[in-house]
Amino acid sequence: MWWVYAILSAFFASLTAIFAKIGITGVSSNLATAIRSIIILLVAWGIVFARSEYKGIPALSRHNLIYIVISGVATGLSWIFYFKALQIGKVTQVAPVDKLSVALTIVLSVIFLGESLTLKTAIGAVLIIIGTVILIFE
C-alpha cells in the first residue's frame, strides 16, 4: 500500500511544479514559498485536528522534536531553492534535477540509517545521477 501514497506524492509534486511555475510569474520566489508554506500549514493542521492526532503531541520525545525540526528546516530550504530554480529555469529541467534527491537519499540512507543497498537500487541511483548530469549540461 505504501506505493499508492508514493505515486500520489509524485503526482501532486508534479502538479506543484506546474502550478508554481505559473504562479511565480512576476513574484518573488521567497514570497511565493512563504504563501505556499502557510497553505501547507493550514492543510496539515486541519488534517491533524480532523483526525484528533493532536493528542499525540505529549508523547513526542525530545529526539522526535529535534529531528522533526531539522527536517522542517531542510524542507524549507529545499522549497526556497526549488522555487528560485523554477523562477529562472524551465520546469522540464528543474523538476527532474530536483529528483536527484532520490539518488542522494539512497546514498544517505545507506550511510546514516544503515539500510542495505541492492544492485537494482544502486543501478537506479546511478541512472538518476547520469540523467541529472545530462539535463544540467544539455
Protein backbone atom coordinates (compact mmCIF):
# COMPACT_ATOMS: atom_id res chain seq x y z
CA MET A 1 0.00 0.00 0.00
CA TRP A 2 2.97 2.36 0.54
CA TRP A 3 3.43 2.67 -3.22
CA VAL A 4 -0.05 4.14 -3.68
CA TYR A 5 0.91 7.01 -1.37
CA ALA A 6 4.27 7.35 -3.14
CA ILE A 7 2.56 7.59 -6.54
CA LEU A 8 0.10 10.16 -5.16
CA SER A 9 3.06 12.08 -3.75
CA ALA A 10 4.76 12.06 -7.16
CA PHE A 11 1.54 13.16 -8.88
CA PHE A 12 0.99 16.09 -6.53
CA ALA A 13 4.69 17.02 -6.68
CA SER A 14 4.37 17.25 -10.46
CA LEU A 15 1.33 19.49 -10.09
CA THR A 16 3.32 21.59 -7.62
CA ALA A 17 5.96 22.29 -10.27
CA ILE A 18 3.42 23.25 -12.93
CA PHE A 19 1.26 25.44 -10.69
CA ALA A 20 4.30 27.03 -9.04
CA LYS A 21 5.83 27.98 -12.39
CA ILE A 22 2.57 29.63 -13.41
CA GLY A 23 2.10 31.29 -10.02
CA ILE A 24 5.57 32.80 -9.54
CA THR A 25 5.49 34.85 -12.71
CA GLY A 26 6.48 38.35 -11.62
CA VAL A 27 6.52 37.38 -7.92
CA SER A 28 9.44 36.94 -5.53
CA SER A 29 10.14 33.24 -5.19
CA ASN A 30 10.63 33.71 -1.43
CA LEU A 31 7.22 35.38 -1.08
CA ALA A 32 5.65 32.56 -3.10
CA THR A 33 7.31 29.99 -0.84
CA ALA A 34 6.06 31.78 2.27
CA ILE A 35 2.48 31.87 0.97
CA ARG A 36 2.69 28.21 -0.04
CA SER A 37 4.01 27.35 3.43
CA ILE A 38 1.00 28.99 5.09
CA ILE A 39 -1.35 26.93 2.95
CA ILE A 40 0.55 23.73 3.76
CA LEU A 41 0.47 24.65 7.46
CA LEU A 42 -3.30 25.12 7.39
CA VAL A 43 -3.92 21.91 5.44
CA ALA A 44 -1.61 19.80 7.65
CA TRP A 45 -3.05 21.11 10.94
CA GLY A 46 -6.58 20.77 9.54
CA ILE A 47 -5.92 17.08 8.93
CA VAL A 48 -4.32 16.65 12.37
CA PHE A 49 -7.33 18.21 14.11
CA ALA A 50 -9.88 16.41 11.93
CA ARG A 51 -8.31 13.08 12.85
CA SER A 52 -7.67 14.04 16.51
CA GLU A 53 -3.97 13.30 16.02
CA TYR A 54 -3.02 16.40 18.06
CA LYS A 55 -3.49 14.15 21.11
CA GLY A 56 -0.13 12.58 20.26
CA ILE A 57 1.79 15.80 20.91
CA PRO A 58 2.59 14.99 24.58
CA ALA A 59 4.08 11.65 23.52
CA LEU A 60 6.72 13.34 21.34
CA SER A 61 10.21 12.89 22.74
CA ARG A 62 12.99 15.45 22.61
CA HIS A 63 14.65 13.21 19.99
CA ASN A 64 11.46 13.25 17.87
CA LEU A 65 11.18 17.02 18.10
CA ILE A 66 14.83 17.70 17.26
CA TYR A 67 14.73 15.62 14.10
CA ILE A 68 11.30 16.86 13.04
CA VAL A 69 12.54 20.45 13.41
CA ILE A 70 15.73 19.71 11.46
CA SER A 71 13.61 18.03 8.77
CA GLY A 72 11.39 21.12 8.66
CA VAL A 73 14.41 23.39 8.17
CA ALA A 74 15.68 21.13 5.37
CA THR A 75 12.22 21.14 3.76
CA GLY A 76 12.00 24.93 3.95
CA LEU A 77 15.42 25.37 2.36
CA SER A 78 14.52 22.84 -0.33
CA TRP A 79 11.36 24.77 -1.18
CA ILE A 80 13.15 28.12 -1.25
CA PHE A 81 15.80 26.82 -3.65
CA TYR A 82 13.22 24.91 -5.72
CA PHE A 83 11.02 27.97 -6.24
CA LYS A 84 14.06 30.11 -7.12
CA ALA A 85 15.19 27.49 -9.65
CA LEU A 86 11.66 27.33 -11.12
CA GLN A 87 11.55 31.08 -11.38
CA ILE A 88 14.66 31.25 -13.55
CA GLY A 89 14.68 27.82 -15.21
CA LYS A 90 12.42 25.56 -17.21
CA VAL A 91 10.14 23.14 -15.37
CA THR A 92 11.36 20.40 -17.71
CA GLN A 93 14.87 20.92 -16.34
CA VAL A 94 14.29 21.98 -12.74
CA ALA A 95 11.81 19.25 -11.72
CA PRO A 96 13.94 16.33 -12.95
CA VAL A 97 17.13 17.78 -11.44
CA ASP A 98 15.26 18.23 -8.16
CA LYS A 99 14.63 14.48 -8.25
CA LEU A 100 18.38 13.99 -7.83
CA SER A 101 17.21 13.98 -4.22
CA VAL A 102 16.10 10.38 -4.82
CA ALA A 103 19.66 9.23 -5.56
CA LEU A 104 21.06 11.36 -2.72
CA THR A 105 18.50 9.89 -0.33
CA ILE A 106 19.52 6.37 -1.32
CA VAL A 107 23.18 7.14 -0.59
CA LEU A 108 22.41 8.93 2.69
CA SER A 109 20.06 6.16 3.86
CA VAL A 110 22.88 3.64 3.46
CA ILE A 111 25.37 5.88 5.27
CA PHE A 112 23.21 7.21 8.11
CA LEU A 113 20.42 4.66 8.51
CA GLY A 114 22.38 1.54 7.68
CA GLU A 115 19.87 0.47 5.04
CA SER A 116 21.04 -2.17 2.62
CA LEU A 117 21.84 -1.25 -0.96
CA THR A 118 20.73 -3.74 -3.58
CA LEU A 119 22.24 -3.88 -7.04
CA LYS A 120 18.89 -2.80 -8.52
CA THR A 121 18.71 0.25 -6.23
CA ALA A 122 22.35 1.17 -6.90
CA ILE A 123 21.81 0.97 -10.66
CA GLY A 124 18.68 3.11 -10.35
CA ALA A 125 20.55 5.75 -8.33
CA VAL A 126 23.43 5.82 -10.83
CA LEU A 127 20.99 6.23 -13.73
CA ILE A 128 19.29 9.13 -11.92
CA ILE A 129 22.67 10.79 -11.40
CA ILE A 130 23.63 10.30 -15.06
CA GLY A 131 20.26 11.66 -16.20
CA THR A 132 20.67 14.70 -13.95
CA VAL A 133 24.12 15.46 -15.34
CA ILE A 134 22.77 15.17 -18.90
CA LEU A 135 19.92 17.58 -18.09
CA ILE A 136 22.22 20.13 -16.46
CA PHE A 137 24.71 20.19 -19.31
CA GLU A 138 22.37 19.82 -22.30
